[in-house]
Amino acid sequence: MRSNNNRTKVINGVLTVHLEETKGDSERLVRRFIKKAKNEKIVDEVRERRYHKKPSERRRERLEERDRKIQKENRKREELLKPRDRTIKRRGR
């Protein structure tokens, strides 16, 4: 059997939210927990590991994401370099 030691991802401890942090407000406690879970990307990790993906499929998705980011950055740069209409609007006399 092959070892998966180089593929394992270390998960940092337990996600905790204390009541003192939220000054006794249970709704704030839940919102803070959800925010911490999103920051730790726990939900994304669970969704990603739900089904097996072939390495070629992972590579293809990674390349598509890279291309999408490059295109987005190029659009931003084109917008910055596009000449603006600098006509001065004068009030009618």
N, C-alpha and C. Protein backbone atom coordinates (compact mmCIF):
# COMPACT_ATOMS: atom_id res chain seq x y z
N MET A 1 0.84 -1.19 0.00
CA MET A 1 0.00 0.00 0.00
C MET A 1 0.88 1.25 0.00
N ARG A 2 0.45 2.24 -0.74
CA ARG A 2 1.23 3.45 -0.89
C ARG A 2 0.98 4.40 0.28
N SER A 3 2.01 5.13 0.64
CA SER A 3 1.91 6.08 1.73
C SER A 3 1.38 7.41 1.21
N ASN A 4 0.50 8.03 1.97
CA ASN A 4 -0.05 9.34 1.61
C ASN A 4 0.52 10.44 2.48
N ASN A 5 1.68 10.23 3.04
CA ASN A 5 2.25 11.20 3.97
C ASN A 5 2.47 12.56 3.33
N ASN A 6 2.84 12.60 2.06
CA ASN A 6 3.10 13.88 1.44
C ASN A 6 1.83 14.61 1.03
N ARG A 7 0.68 13.97 1.12
CA ARG A 7 -0.57 14.59 0.70
C ARG A 7 -1.45 15.01 1.88
N THR A 8 -1.10 14.61 3.07
CA THR A 8 -1.95 14.93 4.21
C THR A 8 -1.84 16.41 4.55
N LYS A 9 -2.94 16.94 5.04
CA LYS A 9 -3.01 18.34 5.40
C LYS A 9 -3.25 18.43 6.90
N VAL A 10 -2.45 19.20 7.58
CA VAL A 10 -2.57 19.33 9.02
C VAL A 10 -3.73 20.27 9.33
N ILE A 11 -4.61 19.80 10.21
CA ILE A 11 -5.75 20.62 10.62
C ILE A 11 -5.41 21.19 11.99
N ASN A 12 -5.56 22.50 12.12
CA ASN A 12 -5.19 23.19 13.35
C ASN A 12 -6.26 23.03 14.41
N GLY A 13 -6.05 22.18 15.35
CA GLY A 13 -6.84 22.08 16.57
C GLY A 13 -8.34 22.19 16.41
N VAL A 14 -8.96 22.75 17.42
CA VAL A 14 -10.40 22.85 17.50
C VAL A 14 -10.81 24.31 17.34
N LEU A 15 -11.90 24.53 16.66
CA LEU A 15 -12.43 25.87 16.46
C LEU A 15 -13.32 26.22 17.65
N THR A 16 -12.94 27.24 18.40
CA THR A 16 -13.71 27.59 19.60
C THR A 16 -14.08 29.06 19.58
N VAL A 17 -15.24 29.35 20.18
CA VAL A 17 -15.69 30.72 20.39
C VAL A 17 -16.18 30.78 21.82
N HIS A 18 -15.69 31.73 22.60
CA HIS A 18 -16.06 31.85 24.00
C HIS A 18 -17.16 32.88 24.17
N LEU A 19 -18.00 32.64 25.16
CA LEU A 19 -19.12 33.52 25.43
C LEU A 19 -18.65 34.92 25.85
N GLU A 20 -17.46 34.99 26.47
CA GLU A 20 -16.94 36.28 26.90
C GLU A 20 -16.60 37.16 25.69
N GLU A 21 -16.21 36.52 24.57
CA GLU A 21 -15.88 37.27 23.35
C GLU A 21 -17.07 38.04 22.83
N THR A 22 -18.25 37.47 23.02
CA THR A 22 -19.47 38.06 22.45
C THR A 22 -20.32 38.77 23.49
N LYS A 23 -19.78 38.91 24.70
CA LYS A 23 -20.47 39.63 25.78
C LYS A 23 -21.83 39.02 26.11
N GLY A 24 -21.91 37.69 26.04
CA GLY A 24 -23.12 36.98 26.44
C GLY A 24 -24.21 36.91 25.38
N ASP A 25 -23.98 37.43 24.20
CA ASP A 25 -24.99 37.42 23.14
C ASP A 25 -24.84 36.15 22.31
N SER A 26 -25.86 35.29 22.35
CA SER A 26 -25.77 34.00 21.67
C SER A 26 -25.79 34.16 20.15
N GLU A 27 -26.51 35.15 19.63
CA GLU A 27 -26.54 35.35 18.17
C GLU A 27 -25.17 35.78 17.66
N ARG A 28 -24.51 36.66 18.39
CA ARG A 28 -23.16 37.07 18.01
C ARG A 28 -22.20 35.89 18.10
N LEU A 29 -22.44 35.00 19.07
CA LEU A 29 -21.61 33.81 19.24
C LEU A 29 -21.69 32.94 17.99
N VAL A 30 -22.90 32.72 17.49
CA VAL A 30 -23.08 31.89 16.29
C VAL A 30 -22.45 32.56 15.07
N ARG A 31 -22.68 33.88 14.93
CA ARG A 31 -22.09 34.60 13.79
C ARG A 31 -20.57 34.55 13.82
N ARG A 32 -19.99 34.70 15.00
CA ARG A 32 -18.53 34.66 15.13
C ARG A 32 -18.00 33.27 14.80
N PHE A 33 -18.73 32.22 15.22
CA PHE A 33 -18.32 30.85 14.90
C PHE A 33 -18.33 30.63 13.39
N ILE A 34 -19.40 31.07 12.73
CA ILE A 34 -19.50 30.91 11.28
C ILE A 34 -18.38 31.66 10.58
N LYS A 35 -18.07 32.87 11.06
CA LYS A 35 -17.00 33.67 10.47
C LYS A 35 -15.65 32.97 10.63
N LYS A 36 -15.39 32.42 11.81
CA LYS A 36 -14.13 31.70 12.02
C LYS A 36 -14.05 30.46 11.13
N ALA A 37 -15.17 29.76 10.98
CA ALA A 37 -15.19 28.56 10.13
C ALA A 37 -14.90 28.95 8.67
N LYS A 38 -15.43 30.07 8.21
CA LYS A 38 -15.15 30.52 6.85
C LYS A 38 -13.70 30.92 6.69
N ASN A 39 -13.15 31.61 7.68
CA ASN A 39 -11.75 32.02 7.61
C ASN A 39 -10.81 30.82 7.60
N GLU A 40 -11.15 29.77 8.32
CA GLU A 40 -10.34 28.56 8.34
C GLU A 40 -10.60 27.69 7.12
N LYS A 41 -11.62 28.05 6.33
CA LYS A 41 -12.01 27.33 5.11
C LYS A 41 -12.38 25.87 5.40
N ILE A 42 -13.07 25.66 6.52
CA ILE A 42 -13.49 24.32 6.91
C ILE A 42 -14.55 23.80 5.97
N VAL A 43 -15.54 24.63 5.65
CA VAL A 43 -16.63 24.21 4.78
C VAL A 43 -16.10 23.88 3.38
N ASP A 44 -15.19 24.71 2.87
CA ASP A 44 -14.60 24.44 1.56
C ASP A 44 -13.84 23.12 1.56
N GLU A 45 -13.15 22.84 2.64
CA GLU A 45 -12.39 21.60 2.75
C GLU A 45 -13.31 20.39 2.72
N VAL A 46 -14.42 20.47 3.44
CA VAL A 46 -15.37 19.36 3.47
C VAL A 46 -15.97 19.14 2.09
N ARG A 47 -16.35 20.22 1.42
CA ARG A 47 -16.92 20.09 0.08
C ARG A 47 -15.92 19.50 -0.90
N GLU A 48 -14.67 19.92 -0.76
CA GLU A 48 -13.63 19.43 -1.67
C GLU A 48 -13.36 17.94 -1.47
N ARG A 49 -13.42 17.49 -0.23
CA ARG A 49 -13.10 16.09 0.07
C ARG A 49 -14.30 15.15 -0.03
N ARG A 50 -15.47 15.69 -0.32
CA ARG A 50 -16.67 14.86 -0.37
C ARG A 50 -16.57 13.78 -1.44
N TYR A 51 -16.04 14.13 -2.60
CA TYR A 51 -15.91 13.18 -3.70
C TYR A 51 -14.47 13.13 -4.16
N HIS A 52 -14.09 11.99 -4.69
CA HIS A 52 -12.73 11.82 -5.20
C HIS A 52 -12.59 12.53 -6.55
N LYS A 53 -11.49 13.22 -6.72
CA LYS A 53 -11.19 13.85 -8.00
C LYS A 53 -9.89 13.28 -8.51
N LYS A 54 -9.87 12.98 -9.77
CA LYS A 54 -8.64 12.49 -10.37
C LYS A 54 -7.62 13.62 -10.40
N PRO A 55 -6.34 13.28 -10.33
CA PRO A 55 -5.31 14.32 -10.37
C PRO A 55 -5.38 15.19 -11.63
N SER A 56 -5.76 14.59 -12.75
CA SER A 56 -5.86 15.38 -13.98
C SER A 56 -6.99 16.40 -13.88
N GLU A 57 -8.07 16.02 -13.20
CA GLU A 57 -9.20 16.94 -13.03
C GLU A 57 -8.81 18.09 -12.10
N ARG A 58 -8.07 17.78 -11.04
CA ARG A 58 -7.60 18.83 -10.13
C ARG A 58 -6.67 19.80 -10.86
N ARG A 59 -5.78 19.25 -11.67
CA ARG A 59 -4.84 20.07 -12.43
C ARG A 59 -5.59 20.97 -13.39
N ARG A 60 -6.58 20.41 -14.09
CA ARG A 60 -7.36 21.19 -15.05
C ARG A 60 -8.10 22.33 -14.35
N GLU A 61 -8.70 22.04 -13.19
CA GLU A 61 -9.40 23.10 -12.45
C GLU A 61 -8.44 24.18 -11.98
N ARG A 62 -7.26 23.77 -11.53
CA ARG A 62 -6.27 24.74 -11.07
C ARG A 62 -5.83 25.65 -12.22
N LEU A 63 -5.62 25.06 -13.41
CA LEU A 63 -5.22 25.86 -14.56
C LEU A 63 -6.33 26.79 -15.01
N GLU A 64 -7.58 26.30 -14.98
CA GLU A 64 -8.71 27.16 -15.35
C GLU A 64 -8.85 28.33 -14.39
N GLU A 65 -8.65 28.07 -13.10
CA GLU A 65 -8.73 29.16 -12.12
C GLU A 65 -7.61 30.17 -12.35
N ARG A 66 -6.41 29.67 -12.66
CA ARG A 66 -5.28 30.57 -12.93
C ARG A 66 -5.57 31.44 -14.15
N ASP A 67 -6.11 30.82 -15.22
CA ASP A 67 -6.43 31.58 -16.43
C ASP A 67 -7.51 32.64 -16.15
N ARG A 68 -8.50 32.28 -15.32
CA ARG A 68 -9.57 33.21 -14.99
C ARG A 68 -9.00 34.42 -14.23
N LYS A 69 -8.07 34.17 -13.30
CA LYS A 69 -7.46 35.27 -12.55
C LYS A 69 -6.62 36.15 -13.46
N ILE A 70 -5.91 35.55 -14.39
CA ILE A 70 -5.09 36.32 -15.33
C ILE A 70 -5.97 37.20 -16.20
N GLN A 71 -7.08 36.65 -16.70
CA GLN A 71 -7.99 37.45 -17.53
C GLN A 71 -8.60 38.60 -16.74
N LYS A 72 -8.93 38.35 -15.49
CA LYS A 72 -9.49 39.41 -14.65
C LYS A 72 -8.48 40.53 -14.44
N GLU A 73 -7.23 40.16 -14.18
CA GLU A 73 -6.18 41.16 -13.98
C GLU A 73 -5.93 41.95 -15.27
N ASN A 74 -5.95 41.25 -16.41
CA ASN A 74 -5.76 41.94 -17.70
C ASN A 74 -6.89 42.93 -17.97
N ARG A 75 -8.13 42.57 -17.62
CA ARG A 75 -9.26 43.50 -17.80
C ARG A 75 -9.07 44.74 -16.93
N LYS A 76 -8.58 44.55 -15.70
CA LYS A 76 -8.34 45.70 -14.82
C LYS A 76 -7.28 46.61 -15.42
N ARG A 77 -6.21 46.03 -15.94
CA ARG A 77 -5.13 46.83 -16.52
C ARG A 77 -5.59 47.57 -17.76
N GLU A 78 -6.40 46.91 -18.59
CA GLU A 78 -6.92 47.57 -19.79
C GLU A 78 -7.81 48.75 -19.40
N GLU A 79 -8.59 48.57 -18.34
CA GLU A 79 -9.46 49.65 -17.87
C GLU A 79 -8.63 50.84 -17.39
N LEU A 80 -7.51 50.57 -16.74
CA LEU A 80 -6.65 51.65 -16.28
C LEU A 80 -5.98 52.38 -17.43
N LEU A 81 -5.64 51.66 -18.49
CA LEU A 81 -4.93 52.26 -19.61
C LEU A 81 -5.85 52.90 -20.64
N LYS A 82 -7.14 52.64 -20.51
CA LYS A 82 -8.10 53.19 -21.47
C LYS A 82 -8.18 54.70 -21.30
N PRO A 83 -8.09 55.45 -22.40
CA PRO A 83 -8.17 56.91 -22.27
C PRO A 83 -9.57 57.35 -21.84
N ARG A 84 -9.62 58.31 -20.95
CA ARG A 84 -10.90 58.81 -20.46
C ARG A 84 -11.34 59.99 -21.29
N ASP A 85 -12.63 60.23 -21.28
CA ASP A 85 -13.18 61.41 -21.93
C ASP A 85 -13.03 62.58 -20.97
N ARG A 86 -12.14 63.50 -21.29
CA ARG A 86 -11.83 64.60 -20.37
C ARG A 86 -12.39 65.93 -20.84
N THR A 87 -13.57 65.92 -21.37
CA THR A 87 -14.17 67.20 -21.77
C THR A 87 -14.72 67.91 -20.56
N ILE A 88 -14.61 69.21 -20.55
CA ILE A 88 -15.07 70.02 -19.45
C ILE A 88 -16.50 70.44 -19.75
N LYS A 89 -17.37 70.13 -18.82
CA LYS A 89 -18.76 70.50 -18.99
C LYS A 89 -18.95 71.93 -18.49
N ARG A 90 -19.51 72.78 -19.35
CA ARG A 90 -19.74 74.18 -18.96
C ARG A 90 -21.23 74.40 -18.79
N ARG A 91 -21.50 75.26 -17.85
CA ARG A 91 -22.89 75.59 -17.60
C ARG A 91 -23.38 76.55 -18.67
N GLY A 92 -24.61 76.36 -19.07
CA GLY A 92 -25.18 77.25 -20.08
C GLY A 92 -25.36 78.66 -19.55
N ARG A 93 -25.10 79.67 -20.39
CA ARG A 93 -25.21 81.06 -19.95
C ARG A 93 -26.42 81.71 -20.51
